[in-house]
Amino acid sequence: MPEGDSIWRAAHKLHEALAGQVLTASDFRVPRFATLNLSGWTMVEVVPRGKHLLMRLEGPEDTLPGASKKPRALTIHSHLKMEGSWMVYPPGGRWTKPGHTARCVLRTPVGDAVGFSLGILDVVPTSEEDKIVGHLGPDLLGPDWDEEEALRRLQAEPDVPIGFALLDQRKLAGIGNIYRCDSCFLSGIHPALPVGQVPDLAKIVTDAKRLLGENLGPGRRTTLGPRAMRPGYWVYGRTRQPCRRCGTQIRHGLLAGPDGTEERDIYFCPRCQPAP
C-alpha cells in the first residue's frame, strides 16, 4: 500500500496538471457513479489527506430564476489501496496501463487524468468530506499537523504494539510499513513493544515525519547518503542482509495484532531492536 509520500507526490502531480482546468468529459467506471457527468466543472485543487486523495471541483452556476449563484462543490475521493495509481497523459494520449483497469477518466483541454485499479472511488459534496476522512488522525505531511494530538491518540491504547499503532491511520495519517519499520529501528524499538513501554514515543513519530518529508521528491531512501535509483532502507525489505549499524542479519517476522486475528510484516535488527 502506498505510503504518505507517494500520495503527496500523486496529489502534487495531479494538482499541477488539473488545477484551474474545466473538465471537457468525465467517465466514472464504477456502477454507483456510471451516469455522473462532470463536464463543465472546474478542478479547484487536488490535496492529499494521509493516504487519501481529494479532488475538489466547482460546478457551473445554476441559472434558474431565483436559484443561488454560489458554485456547487463536489469532491472526488480516491484511495489507491495496494495496486491503484493516477496517471496524467496528453489529451487523447495512449494509456500505459490496461484500459479495463481504469476506474475514473477526467479529460481537460491540456491533459487527461486516469485512475487505475483504485481501491476506493467516491464522489461527495465537498462540505461532507469529513464523512470520509474525518476519522483520520493528524496528517504527518499536512499543513495542520498536530504532534500533541497524534501522541495523545497513540497513548490512548498503551497495550497495542507500537508496530500496529503507527499504521493505524486513525491515530496519525500517512505512515506505511517502510516508515513504520525504519522509524522503529532509528529509535532502537522492536515493533512488538507495547506503546505504553516505548521510552520516547515522540522520537519515533518525529523520525517518521522527517523521513516522509525527506522523500517528497523523486527516489526514496531512509538512510543517509546520496539518492540513487535503488532505494536505501535501514531494515525494511532487507531480510538476512547485515544491519547498517552493527552487522547483525536483519530479520523478517509477522506481528500479530491486538486481537490476534491480523498479522503484519515487520523487519528489524535483533541486536539493535531486542524483542520485548
C-alpha atoms as a PDB file:
ATOM      1  CA  MET A   1       0.000   0.000   0.000  1.00  0.00           C
ATOM      2  CA  PRO A   2       1.433   3.418  -0.914  1.00  0.00           C
ATOM      3  CA  GLU A   3       2.992   5.495   1.845  1.00  0.00           C
ATOM      4  CA  GLY A   4       2.013   9.086   2.596  1.00  0.00           C
ATOM      5  CA  ASP A   5       4.867  10.464   0.493  1.00  0.00           C
ATOM      6  CA  SER A   6       3.582   8.596  -2.586  1.00  0.00           C
ATOM      7  CA  ILE A   7       0.130  10.101  -2.127  1.00  0.00           C
ATOM      8  CA  TRP A   8       1.646  13.562  -1.648  1.00  0.00           C
ATOM      9  CA  ARG A   9       3.561  13.237  -4.933  1.00  0.00           C
ATOM     10  CA  ALA A  10       0.469  11.961  -6.763  1.00  0.00           C
ATOM     11  CA  ALA A  11      -1.635  14.855  -5.466  1.00  0.00           C
ATOM     12  CA  HIS A  12       1.060  17.371  -6.414  1.00  0.00           C
ATOM     13  CA  LYS A  13       1.288  15.981  -9.948  1.00  0.00           C
ATOM     14  CA  LEU A  14      -2.477  15.954 -10.408  1.00  0.00           C
ATOM     15  CA  HIS A  15      -2.821  19.457  -8.994  1.00  0.00           C
ATOM     16  CA  GLU A  16      -0.210  20.835 -11.389  1.00  0.00           C
ATOM     17  CA  ALA A  17      -1.948  19.202 -14.345  1.00  0.00           C
ATOM     18  CA  LEU A  18      -5.586  19.870 -13.467  1.00  0.00           C
ATOM     19  CA  ALA A  19      -5.998  22.837 -11.135  1.00  0.00           C
ATOM     20  CA  GLY A  20      -7.947  25.620 -12.811  1.00  0.00           C
ATOM     21  CA  GLN A  21      -8.919  23.430 -15.754  1.00  0.00           C
ATOM     22  CA  VAL A  22     -12.506  22.891 -16.899  1.00  0.00           C
ATOM     23  CA  LEU A  23     -13.395  19.259 -17.490  1.00  0.00           C
ATOM     24  CA  THR A  24     -14.389  18.510 -21.065  1.00  0.00           C
ATOM     25  CA  ALA A  25     -15.503  14.983 -20.138  1.00  0.00           C
ATOM     26  CA  SER A  26     -15.651  12.592 -17.214  1.00  0.00           C
ATOM     27  CA  ASP A  27     -16.055   8.833 -17.156  1.00  0.00           C
ATOM     28  CA  PHE A  28     -16.659   7.020 -13.864  1.00  0.00           C
ATOM     29  CA  ARG A  29     -16.325   3.294 -14.469  1.00  0.00           C
ATOM     30  CA  VAL A  30     -17.986   2.132 -11.285  1.00  0.00           C
ATOM     31  CA  PRO A  31     -21.713   1.349 -11.144  1.00  0.00           C
ATOM     32  CA  ARG A  32     -22.567   3.884  -8.464  1.00  0.00           C
ATOM     33  CA  PHE A  33     -21.348   6.867 -10.482  1.00  0.00           C
ATOM     34  CA  ALA A  34     -21.612   5.499 -14.009  1.00  0.00           C
ATOM     35  CA  THR A  35     -24.124   8.178 -15.058  1.00  0.00           C
ATOM     36  CA  LEU A  36     -22.376  11.097 -13.369  1.00  0.00           C
ATOM     37  CA  ASN A  37     -21.264  13.753 -15.857  1.00  0.00           C
ATOM     38  CA  LEU A  38     -18.925  16.472 -14.616  1.00  0.00           C
ATOM     39  CA  SER A  39     -18.317  18.142 -17.963  1.00  0.00           C
ATOM     40  CA  GLY A  40     -18.107  21.883 -17.432  1.00  0.00           C
ATOM     41  CA  TRP A  41     -16.917  21.542 -13.848  1.00  0.00           C
ATOM     42  CA  THR A  42     -13.669  23.250 -12.808  1.00  0.00           C
ATOM     43  CA  MET A  43     -10.956  21.442 -10.900  1.00  0.00           C
ATOM     44  CA  VAL A  44     -10.121  23.746  -7.993  1.00  0.00           C
ATOM     45  CA  GLU A  45      -7.390  21.729  -6.296  1.00  0.00           C
ATOM     46  CA  VAL A  46      -6.074  18.252  -5.579  1.00  0.00           C
ATOM     47  CA  VAL A  47      -4.937  17.634  -1.998  1.00  0.00           C
ATOM     48  CA  PRO A  48      -3.659  14.613  -0.067  1.00  0.00           C
ATOM     49  CA  ARG A  49      -5.069  13.560   3.294  1.00  0.00           C
ATOM     50  CA  GLY A  50      -2.983  10.765   4.738  1.00  0.00           C
ATOM     51  CA  LYS A  51      -3.317   8.014   2.133  1.00  0.00           C
ATOM     52  CA  HIS A  52      -6.411   9.558   0.560  1.00  0.00           C
ATOM     53  CA  LEU A  53      -6.651  11.832  -2.495  1.00  0.00           C
ATOM     54  CA  LEU A  54      -9.248  14.608  -2.626  1.00  0.00           C
ATOM     55  CA  MET A  55     -10.048  16.325  -5.936  1.00  0.00           C
ATOM     56  CA  ARG A  56     -12.186  19.381  -5.292  1.00  0.00           C
ATOM     57  CA  LEU A  57     -14.367  20.763  -8.068  1.00  0.00           C
ATOM     58  CA  GLU A  58     -16.776  23.641  -8.547  1.00  0.00           C
ATOM     59  CA  GLY A  59     -19.752  23.315 -10.853  1.00  0.00           C
ATOM     60  CA  PRO A  60     -21.318  25.860 -13.207  1.00  0.00           C
ATOM     61  CA  GLU A  61     -23.575  28.415 -11.576  1.00  0.00           C
ATOM     62  CA  ASP A  62     -27.215  27.460 -11.599  1.00  0.00           C
ATOM     63  CA  THR A  63     -29.018  29.941 -13.853  1.00  0.00           C
ATOM     64  CA  LEU A  64     -32.585  29.035 -12.895  1.00  0.00           C
ATOM     65  CA  PRO A  65     -34.633  32.046 -11.728  1.00  0.00           C
ATOM     66  CA  GLY A  66     -34.230  32.639  -8.034  1.00  0.00           C
ATOM     67  CA  ALA A  67     -31.531  29.992  -7.676  1.00  0.00           C
ATOM     68  CA  SER A  68     -28.404  30.577  -5.647  1.00  0.00           C
ATOM     69  CA  LYS A  69     -25.446  31.902  -7.627  1.00  0.00           C
ATOM     70  CA  LYS A  70     -22.911  30.150  -5.438  1.00  0.00           C
ATOM     71  CA  PRO A  71     -20.947  27.466  -7.318  1.00  0.00           C
ATOM     72  CA  ARG A  72     -21.718  23.900  -6.425  1.00  0.00           C
ATOM     73  CA  ALA A  73     -18.823  21.956  -4.944  1.00  0.00           C
ATOM     74  CA  LEU A  74     -18.009  18.247  -5.195  1.00  0.00           C
ATOM     75  CA  THR A  75     -15.031  16.155  -4.174  1.00  0.00           C
ATOM     76  CA  ILE A  76     -13.756  13.082  -5.983  1.00  0.00           C
ATOM     77  CA  HIS A  77     -12.290  10.904  -3.245  1.00  0.00           C
ATOM     78  CA  SER A  78      -9.980   8.006  -4.023  1.00  0.00           C
ATOM     79  CA  HIS A  79      -7.781   5.587  -2.119  1.00  0.00           C
ATOM     80  CA  LEU A  80      -5.161   3.613  -4.028  1.00  0.00           C
ATOM     81  CA  LYS A  81      -5.093   0.579  -1.691  1.00  0.00           C
ATOM     82  CA  MET A  82      -2.446  -1.899  -2.906  1.00  0.00           C
ATOM     83  CA  GLU A  83      -2.482  -1.523  -6.687  1.00  0.00           C
ATOM     84  CA  GLY A  84      -4.099   1.807  -7.525  1.00  0.00           C
ATOM     85  CA  SER A  85      -2.484   4.741  -9.326  1.00  0.00           C
ATOM     86  CA  TRP A  86      -3.317   8.020 -11.047  1.00  0.00           C
ATOM     87  CA  MET A  87      -1.626   8.807 -14.353  1.00  0.00           C
ATOM     88  CA  VAL A  88      -1.636  12.029 -16.386  1.00  0.00           C
ATOM     89  CA  TYR A  89      -1.453  11.905 -20.198  1.00  0.00           C
ATOM     90  CA  PRO A  90      -1.541  14.455 -23.025  1.00  0.00           C
ATOM     91  CA  PRO A  91      -5.064  14.962 -24.417  1.00  0.00           C
ATOM     92  CA  GLY A  92      -6.015  11.726 -26.121  1.00  0.00           C
ATOM     93  CA  GLY A  93      -2.637  10.204 -25.233  1.00  0.00           C
ATOM     94  CA  ARG A  94      -2.109   6.453 -25.219  1.00  0.00           C
ATOM     95  CA  TRP A  95      -2.509   4.885 -21.792  1.00  0.00           C
ATOM     96  CA  THR A  96       0.357   2.923 -20.291  1.00  0.00           C
ATOM     97  CA  LYS A  97      -1.902   0.647 -18.246  1.00  0.00           C
ATOM     98  CA  PRO A  98      -4.675  -1.728 -19.376  1.00  0.00           C
ATOM     99  CA  GLY A  99      -7.893   0.094 -20.185  1.00  0.00           C
ATOM    100  CA  HIS A 100     -10.034  -2.424 -18.297  1.00  0.00           C
ATOM    101  CA  THR A 101      -8.362  -1.332 -15.033  1.00  0.00           C
ATOM    102  CA  ALA A 102      -9.391   2.321 -15.447  1.00  0.00           C
ATOM    103  CA  ARG A 103     -11.935   3.413 -12.852  1.00  0.00           C
ATOM    104  CA  CYS A 104     -12.073   7.166 -13.492  1.00  0.00           C
ATOM    105  CA  VAL A 105     -11.178   9.296 -16.517  1.00  0.00           C
ATOM    106  CA  LEU A 106     -11.092  13.090 -16.309  1.00  0.00           C
ATOM    107  CA  ARG A 107     -10.427  14.979 -19.542  1.00  0.00           C
ATOM    108  CA  THR A 108      -9.369  18.621 -19.856  1.00  0.00           C
ATOM    109  CA  PRO A 109      -8.045  20.730 -22.770  1.00  0.00           C
ATOM    110  CA  VAL A 110      -4.470  20.271 -21.512  1.00  0.00           C
ATOM    111  CA  GLY A 111      -4.407  16.681 -20.304  1.00  0.00           C
ATOM    112  CA  ASP A 112      -6.230  13.550 -19.234  1.00  0.00           C
ATOM    113  CA  ALA A 113      -6.073  12.084 -15.720  1.00  0.00           C
ATOM    114  CA  VAL A 114      -6.850   8.396 -15.375  1.00  0.00           C
ATOM    115  CA  GLY A 115      -7.254   6.486 -12.114  1.00  0.00           C
ATOM    116  CA  PHE A 116      -6.351   2.810 -12.474  1.00  0.00           C
ATOM    117  CA  SER A 117      -7.278  -0.013 -10.080  1.00  0.00           C
ATOM    118  CA  LEU A 118      -8.482   2.434  -7.448  1.00  0.00           C
ATOM    119  CA  GLY A 119      -9.336   0.691  -4.199  1.00  0.00           C
ATOM    120  CA  ILE A 120     -11.955   3.295  -3.298  1.00  0.00           C
ATOM    121  CA  LEU A 121     -13.706   5.832  -5.516  1.00  0.00           C
ATOM    122  CA  ASP A 122     -16.411   8.163  -4.204  1.00  0.00           C
ATOM    123  CA  VAL A 123     -17.942  11.480  -5.177  1.00  0.00           C
ATOM    124  CA  VAL A 124     -19.322  13.525  -2.288  1.00  0.00           C
ATOM    125  CA  PRO A 125     -20.286  17.139  -1.624  1.00  0.00           C
ATOM    126  CA  THR A 126     -17.130  18.961  -0.572  1.00  0.00           C
ATOM    127  CA  SER A 127     -18.935  20.097   2.560  1.00  0.00           C
ATOM    128  CA  GLU A 128     -19.229  16.429   3.577  1.00  0.00           C
ATOM    129  CA  GLU A 129     -15.566  15.403   3.206  1.00  0.00           C
ATOM    130  CA  ASP A 130     -15.385  14.777   6.939  1.00  0.00           C
ATOM    131  CA  LYS A 131     -17.677  11.799   6.462  1.00  0.00           C
ATOM    132  CA  ILE A 132     -14.919  10.005   4.547  1.00  0.00           C
ATOM    133  CA  VAL A 133     -11.685  11.374   6.042  1.00  0.00           C
ATOM    134  CA  GLY A 134     -12.801  12.910   9.327  1.00  0.00           C
ATOM    135  CA  HIS A 135     -11.810   9.774  11.243  1.00  0.00           C
ATOM    136  CA  LEU A 136      -8.154  10.166  10.281  1.00  0.00           C
ATOM    137  CA  GLY A 137      -5.582  11.298  12.792  1.00  0.00           C
ATOM    138  CA  PRO A 138      -3.213  14.229  12.216  1.00  0.00           C
ATOM    139  CA  ASP A 139      -1.513  14.057   8.818  1.00  0.00           C
ATOM    140  CA  LEU A 140       2.274  13.918   9.112  1.00  0.00           C
ATOM    141  CA  LEU A 141       2.587  15.762   5.787  1.00  0.00           C
ATOM    142  CA  GLY A 142      -0.419  18.021   6.260  1.00  0.00           C
ATOM    143  CA  PRO A 143      -0.434  21.750   6.991  1.00  0.00           C
ATOM    144  CA  ASP A 144      -2.412  21.090  10.169  1.00  0.00           C
ATOM    145  CA  TRP A 145      -0.018  18.524  11.653  1.00  0.00           C
ATOM    146  CA  ASP A 146      -0.533  18.271  15.420  1.00  0.00           C
ATOM    147  CA  GLU A 147       2.102  16.163  17.179  1.00  0.00           C
ATOM    148  CA  GLU A 148       0.481  16.523  20.588  1.00  0.00           C
ATOM    149  CA  GLU A 149      -2.818  15.144  19.283  1.00  0.00           C
ATOM    150  CA  ALA A 150      -1.067  12.287  17.471  1.00  0.00           C
ATOM    151  CA  LEU A 151       0.765  11.290  20.651  1.00  0.00           C
ATOM    152  CA  ARG A 152      -2.459  11.507  22.649  1.00  0.00           C
ATOM    153  CA  ARG A 153      -4.172   9.116  20.238  1.00  0.00           C
ATOM    154  CA  LEU A 154      -1.262   6.679  20.334  1.00  0.00           C
ATOM    155  CA  GLN A 155      -1.084   6.739  24.136  1.00  0.00           C
ATOM    156  CA  ALA A 156      -4.825   6.115  24.437  1.00  0.00           C
ATOM    157  CA  GLU A 157      -4.154   2.406  23.756  1.00  0.00           C
ATOM    158  CA  PRO A 158      -0.945   1.641  25.684  1.00  0.00           C
ATOM    159  CA  ASP A 159      -1.152  -2.145  25.229  1.00  0.00           C
ATOM    160  CA  VAL A 160      -1.158  -2.074  21.414  1.00  0.00           C
ATOM    161  CA  PRO A 161       2.207  -2.966  19.817  1.00  0.00           C
ATOM    162  CA  ILE A 162       3.882   0.178  18.510  1.00  0.00           C
ATOM    163  CA  GLY A 163       4.272  -1.521  15.128  1.00  0.00           C
ATOM    164  CA  PHE A 164       0.493  -1.722  14.826  1.00  0.00           C
ATOM    165  CA  ALA A 165      -0.273   1.648  16.372  1.00  0.00           C
ATOM    166  CA  LEU A 166       1.888   3.525  13.854  1.00  0.00           C
ATOM    167  CA  LEU A 167      -0.082   2.007  10.969  1.00  0.00           C
ATOM    168  CA  ASP A 168      -3.442   2.953  12.483  1.00  0.00           C
ATOM    169  CA  GLN A 169      -4.495   5.886  10.313  1.00  0.00           C
ATOM    170  CA  ARG A 170      -6.996   6.937  12.979  1.00  0.00           C
ATOM    171  CA  LYS A 171      -4.078   7.799  15.223  1.00  0.00           C
ATOM    172  CA  LEU A 172      -1.833   9.523  12.713  1.00  0.00           C
ATOM    173  CA  ALA A 173      -2.141   9.503   8.952  1.00  0.00           C
ATOM    174  CA  GLY A 174       0.487   8.747   6.354  1.00  0.00           C
ATOM    175  CA  ILE A 175       2.769   6.065   7.788  1.00  0.00           C
ATOM    176  CA  GLY A 176       3.097   2.775   5.908  1.00  0.00           C
ATOM    177  CA  ASN A 177       5.260  -0.271   6.513  1.00  0.00           C
ATOM    178  CA  ILE A 178       8.503   1.262   5.214  1.00  0.00           C
ATOM    179  CA  TYR A 179       8.450   4.240   7.554  1.00  0.00           C
ATOM    180  CA  ARG A 180       6.996   2.200  10.417  1.00  0.00           C
ATOM    181  CA  CYS A 181       9.866  -0.302  10.277  1.00  0.00           C
ATOM    182  CA  ASP A 182      12.653   2.217   9.770  1.00  0.00           C
ATOM    183  CA  SER A 183      11.462   4.733  12.357  1.00  0.00           C
ATOM    184  CA  CYS A 184      11.271   1.938  14.945  1.00  0.00           C
ATOM    185  CA  PHE A 185      14.827   0.952  14.017  1.00  0.00           C
ATOM    186  CA  LEU A 186      16.116   4.501  14.424  1.00  0.00           C
ATOM    187  CA  SER A 187      14.738   4.522  17.980  1.00  0.00           C
ATOM    188  CA  GLY A 188      16.038   1.034  18.773  1.00  0.00           C
ATOM    189  CA  ILE A 189      12.486  -0.168  19.434  1.00  0.00           C
ATOM    190  CA  HIS A 190      11.167  -3.596  18.481  1.00  0.00           C
ATOM    191  CA  PRO A 191       7.810  -3.258  16.645  1.00  0.00           C
ATOM    192  CA  ALA A 192       6.176  -5.645  19.141  1.00  0.00           C
ATOM    193  CA  LEU A 193       6.864  -3.396  22.131  1.00  0.00           C
ATOM    194  CA  PRO A 194       3.591  -2.040  23.578  1.00  0.00           C
ATOM    195  CA  VAL A 195       3.053   1.688  23.109  1.00  0.00           C
ATOM    196  CA  GLY A 196       2.986   2.245  26.860  1.00  0.00           C
ATOM    197  CA  GLN A 197       6.510   0.829  27.197  1.00  0.00           C
ATOM    198  CA  VAL A 198       8.123   2.916  24.460  1.00  0.00           C
ATOM    199  CA  PRO A 199      10.558   5.206  26.304  1.00  0.00           C
ATOM    200  CA  ASP A 200      10.462   8.036  23.755  1.00  0.00           C
ATOM    201  CA  LEU A 201       7.304   7.851  21.656  1.00  0.00           C
ATOM    202  CA  ALA A 202       7.787  11.371  20.339  1.00  0.00           C
ATOM    203  CA  LYS A 203      11.116  10.403  18.750  1.00  0.00           C
ATOM    204  CA  ILE A 204       9.552   7.635  16.668  1.00  0.00           C
ATOM    205  CA  VAL A 205       6.838   9.999  15.457  1.00  0.00           C
ATOM    206  CA  THR A 206       9.361  12.758  14.747  1.00  0.00           C
ATOM    207  CA  ASP A 207      11.593  10.365  12.817  1.00  0.00           C
ATOM    208  CA  ALA A 208       8.673   9.107  10.753  1.00  0.00           C
ATOM    209  CA  LYS A 209       7.613  12.647   9.920  1.00  0.00           C
ATOM    210  CA  ARG A 210      11.178  13.600   8.982  1.00  0.00           C
ATOM    211  CA  LEU A 211      11.650  10.547   6.756  1.00  0.00           C
ATOM    212  CA  LEU A 212       8.356  11.204   4.970  1.00  0.00           C
ATOM    213  CA  GLY A 213       9.258  14.858   4.451  1.00  0.00           C
ATOM    214  CA  GLU A 214      12.661  13.974   3.040  1.00  0.00           C
ATOM    215  CA  ASN A 215      11.094  11.775   0.365  1.00  0.00           C
ATOM    216  CA  LEU A 216       8.701  14.125  -1.390  1.00  0.00           C
ATOM    217  CA  GLY A 217      10.942  14.307  -4.445  1.00  0.00           C
ATOM    218  CA  PRO A 218      11.941  11.516  -6.850  1.00  0.00           C
ATOM    219  CA  GLY A 219      13.653   8.488  -5.401  1.00  0.00           C
ATOM    220  CA  ARG A 220      13.129   7.131  -1.923  1.00  0.00           C
ATOM    221  CA  ARG A 221      15.574   6.267   0.838  1.00  0.00           C
ATOM    222  CA  THR A 222      15.567   6.409   4.609  1.00  0.00           C
ATOM    223  CA  THR A 223      19.313   6.060   5.087  1.00  0.00           C
ATOM    224  CA  LEU A 224      21.845   8.838   4.838  1.00  0.00           C
ATOM    225  CA  GLY A 225      23.814   9.462   1.662  1.00  0.00           C
ATOM    226  CA  PRO A 226      23.109  10.472  -1.935  1.00  0.00           C
ATOM    227  CA  ARG A 227      19.901   9.392  -3.577  1.00  0.00           C
ATOM    228  CA  ALA A 228      20.044   6.622  -6.133  1.00  0.00           C
ATOM    229  CA  MET A 229      17.672   4.655  -8.304  1.00  0.00           C
ATOM    230  CA  ARG A 230      17.840   1.775  -5.821  1.00  0.00           C
ATOM    231  CA  PRO A 231      16.120   2.624  -2.518  1.00  0.00           C
ATOM    232  CA  GLY A 232      18.235   2.516   0.607  1.00  0.00           C
ATOM    233  CA  TYR A 233      16.456   1.467   3.782  1.00  0.00           C
ATOM    234  CA  TRP A 234      17.669   0.740   7.295  1.00  0.00           C
ATOM    235  CA  VAL A 235      15.776  -2.523   7.760  1.00  0.00           C
ATOM    236  CA  TYR A 236      12.694  -2.629   5.512  1.00  0.00           C
ATOM    237  CA  GLY A 237      12.900  -5.413   2.946  1.00  0.00           C
ATOM    238  CA  ARG A 238      16.488  -6.311   3.945  1.00  0.00           C
ATOM    239  CA  THR A 239      15.947  -9.832   5.310  1.00  0.00           C
ATOM    240  CA  ARG A 240      19.243 -11.623   6.042  1.00  0.00           C
ATOM    241  CA  GLN A 241      21.270  -8.581   4.968  1.00  0.00           C
ATOM    242  CA  PRO A 242      23.673  -7.049   7.512  1.00  0.00           C
ATOM    243  CA  CYS A 243      22.416  -4.280   9.753  1.00  0.00           C
ATOM    244  CA  ARG A 244      23.886  -0.975   8.625  1.00  0.00           C
ATOM    245  CA  ARG A 245      24.840  -0.226  12.244  1.00  0.00           C
ATOM    246  CA  CYS A 246      26.004  -3.477  13.857  1.00  0.00           C
ATOM    247  CA  GLY A 247      26.288  -6.028  11.057  1.00  0.00           C
ATOM    248  CA  THR A 248      23.730  -8.469  12.519  1.00  0.00           C
ATOM    249  CA  GLN A 249      21.450 -10.086   9.939  1.00  0.00           C
ATOM    250  CA  ILE A 250      18.123  -8.280   9.539  1.00  0.00           C
ATOM    251  CA  ARG A 251      15.151 -10.465  10.323  1.00  0.00           C
ATOM    252  CA  HIS A 252      11.656 -10.619   8.880  1.00  0.00           C
ATOM    253  CA  GLY A 253       8.700 -11.562  11.004  1.00  0.00           C
ATOM    254  CA  LEU A 254       4.937 -11.294  11.395  1.00  0.00           C
ATOM    255  CA  LEU A 255       3.457  -9.059  14.072  1.00  0.00           C
ATOM    256  CA  ALA A 256       0.132 -10.178  15.476  1.00  0.00           C
ATOM    257  CA  GLY A 257      -2.476  -7.526  16.105  1.00  0.00           C
ATOM    258  CA  PRO A 258      -4.076  -6.773  19.482  1.00  0.00           C
ATOM    259  CA  ASP A 259      -6.877  -9.289  18.865  1.00  0.00           C
ATOM    260  CA  GLY A 260      -4.561 -11.867  17.311  1.00  0.00           C
ATOM    261  CA  THR A 261      -6.520 -12.017  14.047  1.00  0.00           C
ATOM    262  CA  GLU A 262      -4.323  -9.759  11.931  1.00  0.00           C
ATOM    263  CA  GLU A 263      -0.657 -10.106  11.090  1.00  0.00           C
ATOM    264  CA  ARG A 264       1.703  -7.558   9.534  1.00  0.00           C
ATOM    265  CA  ASP A 265       5.177  -7.968   8.062  1.00  0.00           C
ATOM    266  CA  ILE A 266       7.960  -6.458  10.138  1.00  0.00           C
ATOM    267  CA  TYR A 267      11.690  -6.071   9.567  1.00  0.00           C
ATOM    268  CA  PHE A 268      14.090  -5.465  12.452  1.00  0.00           C
ATOM    269  CA  CYS A 269      17.618  -5.932  13.737  1.00  0.00           C
ATOM    270  CA  PRO A 270      17.555  -8.405  16.674  1.00  0.00           C
ATOM    271  CA  ARG A 271      20.588  -6.737  18.233  1.00  0.00           C
ATOM    272  CA  CYS A 272      19.666  -3.064  17.791  1.00  0.00           C
ATOM    273  CA  GLN A 273      15.983  -3.762  18.486  1.00  0.00           C
ATOM    274  CA  PRO A 274      15.820  -6.501  21.128  1.00  0.00           C
ATOM    275  CA  ALA A 275      12.485  -8.280  21.428  1.00  0.00           C
ATOM    276  CA  PRO A 276      10.354  -7.289  24.428  1.00  0.00           C
END
